[in-house]
ModelCIF file with pLDDT and N, C-alpha, C, O atoms, coordinates in Angstrom:
data_MODEL
#
_entry.id   MODEL 
#
_entity.id                         1 
_entity.type                       polymer 
_entity.pdbx_number_of_molecules   1 
#
_entity_poly.entity_id                      1 
_entity_poly.type                           'polypeptide(L)' 
_entity_poly.nstd_linkage                   no 
_entity_poly.nstd_monomer                   no 
_entity_poly.pdbx_seq_one_letter_code       CTQGDASQVIGPLTEGQRRNVAVVNSLYRLQQAVT 
_entity_poly.pdbx_seq_one_letter_code_can   CTQGDASQVIGPLTEGQRRNVAVVNSLYRLQQAVT 
_entity_poly.pdbx_strand_id                 A 
#
loop_
_entity_poly_seq.entity_id 
_entity_poly_seq.num 
_entity_poly_seq.mon_id 
_entity_poly_seq.hetero 
1 1  CYS n 
1 2  THR n 
1 3  GLN n 
1 4  GLY n 
1 5  ASP n 
1 6  ALA n 
1 7  SER n 
1 8  GLN n 
1 9  VAL n 
1 10 ILE n 
1 11 GLY n 
1 12 PRO n 
1 13 LEU n 
1 14 THR n 
1 15 GLU n 
1 16 GLY n 
1 17 GLN n 
1 18 ARG n 
1 19 ARG n 
1 20 ASN n 
1 21 VAL n 
1 22 ALA n 
1 23 VAL n 
1 24 VAL n 
1 25 ASN n 
1 26 SER n 
1 27 LEU n 
1 28 TYR n 
1 29 ARG n 
1 30 LEU n 
1 31 GLN n 
1 32 GLN n 
1 33 ALA n 
1 34 VAL n 
1 35 THR n 
#
_struct_asym.id          A 
_struct_asym.entity_id   1 
#
loop_
_ma_qa_metric.id 
_ma_qa_metric.mode 
_ma_qa_metric.name 
_ma_qa_metric.software_group_id 
_ma_qa_metric.type 
1 global pLDDT . pLDDT 
2 local  pLDDT . pLDDT 
#
_ma_qa_metric_global.metric_id      1 
_ma_qa_metric_global.metric_value   88.26 
_ma_qa_metric_global.model_id       1 
_ma_qa_metric_global.ordinal_id     1 
#
loop_
_ma_qa_metric_local.label_asym_id 
_ma_qa_metric_local.label_comp_id 
_ma_qa_metric_local.label_seq_id 
_ma_qa_metric_local.metric_id 
_ma_qa_metric_local.metric_value 
_ma_qa_metric_local.model_id 
_ma_qa_metric_local.ordinal_id 
A CYS 1  2 87.00 1 1  
A THR 2  2 85.00 1 2  
A GLN 3  2 84.00 1 3  
A GLY 4  2 81.00 1 4  
A ASP 5  2 79.00 1 5  
A ALA 6  2 78.00 1 6  
A SER 7  2 77.00 1 7  
A GLN 8  2 79.00 1 8  
A VAL 9  2 80.00 1 9  
A ILE 10 2 83.00 1 10 
A GLY 11 2 81.00 1 11 
A PRO 12 2 87.00 1 12 
A LEU 13 2 86.00 1 13 
A THR 14 2 85.00 1 14 
A GLU 15 2 86.00 1 15 
A GLY 16 2 86.00 1 16 
A GLN 17 2 89.00 1 17 
A ARG 18 2 90.00 1 18 
A ARG 19 2 90.00 1 19 
A ASN 20 2 91.00 1 20 
A VAL 21 2 93.00 1 21 
A ALA 22 2 93.00 1 22 
A VAL 23 2 94.00 1 23 
A VAL 24 2 95.00 1 24 
A ASN 25 2 95.00 1 25 
A SER 26 2 95.00 1 26 
A LEU 27 2 95.00 1 27 
A TYR 28 2 96.00 1 28 
A ARG 29 2 95.00 1 29 
A LEU 30 2 94.00 1 30 
A GLN 31 2 94.00 1 31 
A GLN 32 2 94.00 1 32 
A ALA 33 2 92.00 1 33 
A VAL 34 2 90.00 1 34 
A THR 35 2 90.00 1 35 
#
loop_
_atom_site.group_PDB 
_atom_site.id 
_atom_site.type_symbol 
_atom_site.label_atom_id 
_atom_site.label_alt_id 
_atom_site.label_comp_id 
_atom_site.label_asym_id 
_atom_site.label_entity_id 
_atom_site.label_seq_id 
_atom_site.pdbx_PDB_ins_code 
_atom_site.Cartn_x 
_atom_site.Cartn_y 
_atom_site.Cartn_z 
_atom_site.occupancy 
_atom_site.B_iso_or_equiv 
_atom_site.pdbx_formal_charge 
_atom_site.auth_seq_id 
_atom_site.auth_comp_id 
_atom_site.auth_asym_id 
_atom_site.auth_atom_id 
_atom_site.pdbx_PDB_model_num 
ATOM 1   N N  . CYS A 1 1  ? 4.066   5.875  0.929  1.00 87.00 ? 1  CYS A N  1 
ATOM 2   C CA . CYS A 1 1  ? 5.388   6.426  0.799  1.00 87.00 ? 1  CYS A CA 1 
ATOM 3   C C  . CYS A 1 1  ? 5.132   7.318  -0.916 1.00 87.00 ? 1  CYS A C  1 
ATOM 4   O O  . CYS A 1 1  ? 4.617   6.430  -1.596 1.00 87.00 ? 1  CYS A O  1 
ATOM 5   N N  . THR A 1 2  ? 5.216   8.119  -1.485 1.00 85.00 ? 2  THR A N  1 
ATOM 6   C CA . THR A 1 2  ? 5.458   8.354  -2.786 1.00 85.00 ? 2  THR A CA 1 
ATOM 7   C C  . THR A 1 2  ? 6.970   8.307  -2.985 1.00 85.00 ? 2  THR A C  1 
ATOM 8   O O  . THR A 1 2  ? 7.303   8.350  -4.170 1.00 85.00 ? 2  THR A O  1 
ATOM 9   N N  . GLN A 1 3  ? 8.103   8.218  -1.971 1.00 84.00 ? 3  GLN A N  1 
ATOM 10  C CA . GLN A 1 3  ? 9.366   8.413  -2.640 1.00 84.00 ? 3  GLN A CA 1 
ATOM 11  C C  . GLN A 1 3  ? 9.642   6.811  -3.927 1.00 84.00 ? 3  GLN A C  1 
ATOM 12  O O  . GLN A 1 3  ? 8.978   5.885  -4.392 1.00 84.00 ? 3  GLN A O  1 
ATOM 13  N N  . GLY A 1 4  ? 10.908  7.304  -3.989 1.00 81.00 ? 4  GLY A N  1 
ATOM 14  C CA . GLY A 1 4  ? 11.189  6.380  -6.076 1.00 81.00 ? 4  GLY A CA 1 
ATOM 15  C C  . GLY A 1 4  ? 11.194  4.958  -5.404 1.00 81.00 ? 4  GLY A C  1 
ATOM 16  O O  . GLY A 1 4  ? 10.667  4.182  -6.202 1.00 81.00 ? 4  GLY A O  1 
ATOM 17  N N  . ASP A 1 5  ? 11.726  4.049  -3.807 1.00 79.00 ? 5  ASP A N  1 
ATOM 18  C CA . ASP A 1 5  ? 11.391  3.710  -3.825 1.00 79.00 ? 5  ASP A CA 1 
ATOM 19  C C  . ASP A 1 5  ? 10.117  2.278  -3.628 1.00 79.00 ? 5  ASP A C  1 
ATOM 20  O O  . ASP A 1 5  ? 10.095  1.048  -3.655 1.00 79.00 ? 5  ASP A O  1 
ATOM 21  N N  . ALA A 1 6  ? 8.873   3.837  -3.358 1.00 78.00 ? 6  ALA A N  1 
ATOM 22  C CA . ALA A 1 6  ? 7.810   2.741  -3.719 1.00 78.00 ? 6  ALA A CA 1 
ATOM 23  C C  . ALA A 1 6  ? 7.166   2.604  -5.114 1.00 78.00 ? 6  ALA A C  1 
ATOM 24  O O  . ALA A 1 6  ? 6.064   2.055  -5.134 1.00 78.00 ? 6  ALA A O  1 
ATOM 25  N N  . SER A 1 7  ? 7.571   2.926  -6.019 1.00 77.00 ? 7  SER A N  1 
ATOM 26  C CA . SER A 1 7  ? 7.298   1.914  -7.741 1.00 77.00 ? 7  SER A CA 1 
ATOM 27  C C  . SER A 1 7  ? 8.079   0.862  -8.146 1.00 77.00 ? 7  SER A C  1 
ATOM 28  O O  . SER A 1 7  ? 7.713   -0.138 -8.764 1.00 77.00 ? 7  SER A O  1 
ATOM 29  N N  . GLN A 1 8  ? 9.355   1.193  -7.697 1.00 79.00 ? 8  GLN A N  1 
ATOM 30  C CA . GLN A 1 8  ? 10.131  0.003  -7.841 1.00 79.00 ? 8  GLN A CA 1 
ATOM 31  C C  . GLN A 1 8  ? 9.233   -1.465 -7.840 1.00 79.00 ? 8  GLN A C  1 
ATOM 32  O O  . GLN A 1 8  ? 8.470   -1.895 -6.975 1.00 79.00 ? 8  GLN A O  1 
ATOM 33  N N  . VAL A 1 9  ? 9.714   -2.177 -9.423 1.00 80.00 ? 9  VAL A N  1 
ATOM 34  C CA . VAL A 1 9  ? 9.176   -3.055 -9.790 1.00 80.00 ? 9  VAL A CA 1 
ATOM 35  C C  . VAL A 1 9  ? 9.882   -4.377 -9.207 1.00 80.00 ? 9  VAL A C  1 
ATOM 36  O O  . VAL A 1 9  ? 9.316   -5.424 -8.889 1.00 80.00 ? 9  VAL A O  1 
ATOM 37  N N  . ILE A 1 10 ? 11.186  -4.094 -9.146 1.00 83.00 ? 10 ILE A N  1 
ATOM 38  C CA . ILE A 1 10 ? 11.979  -5.216 -9.863 1.00 83.00 ? 10 ILE A CA 1 
ATOM 39  C C  . ILE A 1 10 ? 12.943  -5.475 -7.770 1.00 83.00 ? 10 ILE A C  1 
ATOM 40  O O  . ILE A 1 10 ? 13.711  -4.688 -7.216 1.00 83.00 ? 10 ILE A O  1 
ATOM 41  N N  . GLY A 1 11 ? 12.467  -6.692 -7.299 1.00 81.00 ? 11 GLY A N  1 
ATOM 42  C CA . GLY A 1 11 ? 12.799  -6.785 -5.965 1.00 81.00 ? 11 GLY A CA 1 
ATOM 43  C C  . GLY A 1 11 ? 11.456  -7.232 -5.365 1.00 81.00 ? 11 GLY A C  1 
ATOM 44  O O  . GLY A 1 11 ? 10.323  -6.990 -5.779 1.00 81.00 ? 11 GLY A O  1 
ATOM 45  N N  . PRO A 1 12 ? 12.030  -8.279 -3.782 1.00 87.00 ? 12 PRO A N  1 
ATOM 46  C CA . PRO A 1 12 ? 10.650  -8.048 -3.345 1.00 87.00 ? 12 PRO A CA 1 
ATOM 47  C C  . PRO A 1 12 ? 10.215  -6.273 -3.005 1.00 87.00 ? 12 PRO A C  1 
ATOM 48  O O  . PRO A 1 12 ? 10.476  -5.178 -3.503 1.00 87.00 ? 12 PRO A O  1 
ATOM 49  N N  . LEU A 1 13 ? 9.497   -6.752 -1.984 1.00 86.00 ? 13 LEU A N  1 
ATOM 50  C CA . LEU A 1 13 ? 8.561   -5.100 -1.440 1.00 86.00 ? 13 LEU A CA 1 
ATOM 51  C C  . LEU A 1 13 ? 9.266   -4.894 -0.882 1.00 86.00 ? 13 LEU A C  1 
ATOM 52  O O  . LEU A 1 13 ? 10.172  -5.514 -0.327 1.00 86.00 ? 13 LEU A O  1 
ATOM 53  N N  . THR A 1 14 ? 8.763   -3.404 -0.977 1.00 85.00 ? 14 THR A N  1 
ATOM 54  C CA . THR A 1 14 ? 9.977   -2.930 -0.293 1.00 85.00 ? 14 THR A CA 1 
ATOM 55  C C  . THR A 1 14 ? 9.490   -1.960 1.192  1.00 85.00 ? 14 THR A C  1 
ATOM 56  O O  . THR A 1 14 ? 8.289   -2.179 1.343  1.00 85.00 ? 14 THR A O  1 
ATOM 57  N N  . GLU A 1 15 ? 9.825   -1.318 1.931  1.00 86.00 ? 15 GLU A N  1 
ATOM 58  C CA . GLU A 1 15 ? 9.217   -0.814 3.162  1.00 86.00 ? 15 GLU A CA 1 
ATOM 59  C C  . GLU A 1 15 ? 7.903   -0.059 2.806  1.00 86.00 ? 15 GLU A C  1 
ATOM 60  O O  . GLU A 1 15 ? 6.812   -0.456 3.214  1.00 86.00 ? 15 GLU A O  1 
ATOM 61  N N  . GLY A 1 16 ? 8.066   1.126  1.971  1.00 86.00 ? 16 GLY A N  1 
ATOM 62  C CA . GLY A 1 16 ? 7.309   1.764  1.768  1.00 86.00 ? 16 GLY A CA 1 
ATOM 63  C C  . GLY A 1 16 ? 5.953   1.650  0.860  1.00 86.00 ? 16 GLY A C  1 
ATOM 64  O O  . GLY A 1 16 ? 4.981   2.405  0.878  1.00 86.00 ? 16 GLY A O  1 
ATOM 65  N N  . GLN A 1 17 ? 6.236   0.144  -0.172 1.00 89.00 ? 17 GLN A N  1 
ATOM 66  C CA . GLN A 1 17 ? 5.546   -0.486 -0.607 1.00 89.00 ? 17 GLN A CA 1 
ATOM 67  C C  . GLN A 1 17 ? 5.040   -1.545 0.039  1.00 89.00 ? 17 GLN A C  1 
ATOM 68  O O  . GLN A 1 17 ? 4.023   -1.970 -0.511 1.00 89.00 ? 17 GLN A O  1 
ATOM 69  N N  . ARG A 1 18 ? 5.131   -1.710 0.310  1.00 90.00 ? 18 ARG A N  1 
ATOM 70  C CA . ARG A 1 18 ? 4.298   -2.869 2.207  1.00 90.00 ? 18 ARG A CA 1 
ATOM 71  C C  . ARG A 1 18 ? 3.307   -2.045 2.910  1.00 90.00 ? 18 ARG A C  1 
ATOM 72  O O  . ARG A 1 18 ? 2.216   -2.420 3.338  1.00 90.00 ? 18 ARG A O  1 
ATOM 73  N N  . ARG A 1 19 ? 3.898   -0.718 2.981  1.00 90.00 ? 19 ARG A N  1 
ATOM 74  C CA . ARG A 1 19 ? 3.355   0.125  4.165  1.00 90.00 ? 19 ARG A CA 1 
ATOM 75  C C  . ARG A 1 19 ? 1.338   0.842  3.371  1.00 90.00 ? 19 ARG A C  1 
ATOM 76  O O  . ARG A 1 19 ? 0.211   1.071  3.811  1.00 90.00 ? 19 ARG A O  1 
ATOM 77  N N  . ASN A 1 20 ? 2.425   0.910  1.465  1.00 91.00 ? 20 ASN A N  1 
ATOM 78  C CA . ASN A 1 20 ? 0.772   2.113  1.038  1.00 91.00 ? 20 ASN A CA 1 
ATOM 79  C C  . ASN A 1 20 ? 0.165   0.494  1.055  1.00 91.00 ? 20 ASN A C  1 
ATOM 80  O O  . ASN A 1 20 ? 0.152   0.353  2.278  1.00 91.00 ? 20 ASN A O  1 
ATOM 81  N N  . VAL A 1 21 ? -0.206  -0.462 0.664  1.00 93.00 ? 21 VAL A N  1 
ATOM 82  C CA . VAL A 1 21 ? -0.815  -2.108 0.486  1.00 93.00 ? 21 VAL A CA 1 
ATOM 83  C C  . VAL A 1 21 ? -1.647  -1.621 2.038  1.00 93.00 ? 21 VAL A C  1 
ATOM 84  O O  . VAL A 1 21 ? -2.649  -0.916 2.154  1.00 93.00 ? 21 VAL A O  1 
ATOM 85  N N  . ALA A 1 22 ? -0.944  -2.183 2.953  1.00 93.00 ? 22 ALA A N  1 
ATOM 86  C CA . ALA A 1 22 ? -2.010  -1.659 4.190  1.00 93.00 ? 22 ALA A CA 1 
ATOM 87  C C  . ALA A 1 22 ? -2.712  -0.709 4.170  1.00 93.00 ? 22 ALA A C  1 
ATOM 88  O O  . ALA A 1 22 ? -3.851  -0.859 4.613  1.00 93.00 ? 22 ALA A O  1 
ATOM 89  N N  . VAL A 1 23 ? -2.362  0.440  3.722  1.00 94.00 ? 23 VAL A N  1 
ATOM 90  C CA . VAL A 1 23 ? -3.049  1.737  4.155  1.00 94.00 ? 23 VAL A CA 1 
ATOM 91  C C  . VAL A 1 23 ? -4.113  1.897  2.806  1.00 94.00 ? 23 VAL A C  1 
ATOM 92  O O  . VAL A 1 23 ? -4.767  2.901  2.520  1.00 94.00 ? 23 VAL A O  1 
ATOM 93  N N  . VAL A 1 24 ? -4.075  0.611  2.087  1.00 95.00 ? 24 VAL A N  1 
ATOM 94  C CA . VAL A 1 24 ? -5.012  0.013  0.616  1.00 95.00 ? 24 VAL A CA 1 
ATOM 95  C C  . VAL A 1 24 ? -6.123  -0.249 0.979  1.00 95.00 ? 24 VAL A C  1 
ATOM 96  O O  . VAL A 1 24 ? -7.217  0.153  0.584  1.00 95.00 ? 24 VAL A O  1 
ATOM 97  N N  . ASN A 1 25 ? -5.589  -1.535 2.416  1.00 95.00 ? 25 ASN A N  1 
ATOM 98  C CA . ASN A 1 25 ? -6.098  -2.573 2.452  1.00 95.00 ? 25 ASN A CA 1 
ATOM 99  C C  . ASN A 1 25 ? -6.851  -2.227 3.813  1.00 95.00 ? 25 ASN A C  1 
ATOM 100 O O  . ASN A 1 25 ? -7.666  -2.999 4.316  1.00 95.00 ? 25 ASN A O  1 
ATOM 101 N N  . SER A 1 26 ? -6.578  -1.257 4.247  1.00 95.00 ? 26 SER A N  1 
ATOM 102 C CA . SER A 1 26 ? -7.413  -0.476 5.211  1.00 95.00 ? 26 SER A CA 1 
ATOM 103 C C  . SER A 1 26 ? -8.015  0.407  4.997  1.00 95.00 ? 26 SER A C  1 
ATOM 104 O O  . SER A 1 26 ? -8.895  0.689  5.810  1.00 95.00 ? 26 SER A O  1 
ATOM 105 N N  . LEU A 1 27 ? -7.911  0.868  4.351  1.00 95.00 ? 27 LEU A N  1 
ATOM 106 C CA . LEU A 1 27 ? -9.619  1.445  2.989  1.00 95.00 ? 27 LEU A CA 1 
ATOM 107 C C  . LEU A 1 27 ? -10.194 0.882  2.716  1.00 95.00 ? 27 LEU A C  1 
ATOM 108 O O  . LEU A 1 27 ? -11.273 0.827  3.306  1.00 95.00 ? 27 LEU A O  1 
ATOM 109 N N  . TYR A 1 28 ? -9.999  0.251  1.905  1.00 96.00 ? 28 TYR A N  1 
ATOM 110 C CA . TYR A 1 28 ? -11.022 -0.583 1.848  1.00 96.00 ? 28 TYR A CA 1 
ATOM 111 C C  . TYR A 1 28 ? -11.856 -1.781 2.439  1.00 96.00 ? 28 TYR A C  1 
ATOM 112 O O  . TYR A 1 28 ? -12.609 -2.583 1.887  1.00 96.00 ? 28 TYR A O  1 
ATOM 113 N N  . ARG A 1 29 ? -11.527 -1.651 3.543  1.00 95.00 ? 29 ARG A N  1 
ATOM 114 C CA . ARG A 1 29 ? -12.134 -2.233 5.079  1.00 95.00 ? 29 ARG A CA 1 
ATOM 115 C C  . ARG A 1 29 ? -12.604 -1.021 5.468  1.00 95.00 ? 29 ARG A C  1 
ATOM 116 O O  . ARG A 1 29 ? -13.342 -1.550 6.299  1.00 95.00 ? 29 ARG A O  1 
ATOM 117 N N  . LEU A 1 30 ? -12.758 -0.249 5.561  1.00 94.00 ? 30 LEU A N  1 
ATOM 118 C CA . LEU A 1 30 ? -13.539 0.534  6.112  1.00 94.00 ? 30 LEU A CA 1 
ATOM 119 C C  . LEU A 1 30 ? -14.563 1.099  4.835  1.00 94.00 ? 30 LEU A C  1 
ATOM 120 O O  . LEU A 1 30 ? -15.711 1.362  5.192  1.00 94.00 ? 30 LEU A O  1 
ATOM 121 N N  . GLN A 1 31 ? -14.228 1.308  3.357  1.00 94.00 ? 31 GLN A N  1 
ATOM 122 C CA . GLN A 1 31 ? -15.527 1.227  1.989  1.00 94.00 ? 31 GLN A CA 1 
ATOM 123 C C  . GLN A 1 31 ? -16.258 -0.221 2.224  1.00 94.00 ? 31 GLN A C  1 
ATOM 124 O O  . GLN A 1 31 ? -17.458 -0.366 1.991  1.00 94.00 ? 31 GLN A O  1 
ATOM 125 N N  . GLN A 1 32 ? -15.525 -1.149 2.646  1.00 94.00 ? 32 GLN A N  1 
ATOM 126 C CA . GLN A 1 32 ? -16.730 -2.115 3.267  1.00 94.00 ? 32 GLN A CA 1 
ATOM 127 C C  . GLN A 1 32 ? -17.359 -1.880 4.279  1.00 94.00 ? 32 GLN A C  1 
ATOM 128 O O  . GLN A 1 32 ? -18.431 -1.531 3.784  1.00 94.00 ? 32 GLN A O  1 
ATOM 129 N N  . ALA A 1 33 ? -17.529 -1.788 5.708  1.00 92.00 ? 33 ALA A N  1 
ATOM 130 C CA . ALA A 1 33 ? -18.070 -1.224 6.569  1.00 92.00 ? 33 ALA A CA 1 
ATOM 131 C C  . ALA A 1 33 ? -19.235 -0.795 6.341  1.00 92.00 ? 33 ALA A C  1 
ATOM 132 O O  . ALA A 1 33 ? -20.356 -1.288 6.465  1.00 92.00 ? 33 ALA A O  1 
ATOM 133 N N  . VAL A 1 34 ? -18.701 0.541  5.865  1.00 90.00 ? 34 VAL A N  1 
ATOM 134 C CA . VAL A 1 34 ? -19.396 1.612  5.263  1.00 90.00 ? 34 VAL A CA 1 
ATOM 135 C C  . VAL A 1 34 ? -20.417 0.764  4.518  1.00 90.00 ? 34 VAL A C  1 
ATOM 136 O O  . VAL A 1 34 ? -21.266 0.417  5.339  1.00 90.00 ? 34 VAL A O  1 
ATOM 137 N N  . THR A 1 35 ? -20.633 0.388  3.570  1.00 90.00 ? 35 THR A N  1 
ATOM 138 C CA . THR A 1 35 ? -21.237 -0.238 2.566  1.00 90.00 ? 35 THR A CA 1 
ATOM 139 C C  . THR A 1 35 ? -21.885 -0.996 2.914  1.00 90.00 ? 35 THR A C  1 
ATOM 140 O O  . THR A 1 35 ? -22.526 -1.677 2.113  1.00 90.00 ? 35 THR A O  1 
#
């Protein structure tokens, strides 16, 4: 998610931020497995 709500820092996580975190976590798990 690259819209404006993805970069907000006030308040709880937005849906876009949650999705971005999940994407980064899946990439990290893949990297760990490949290593």
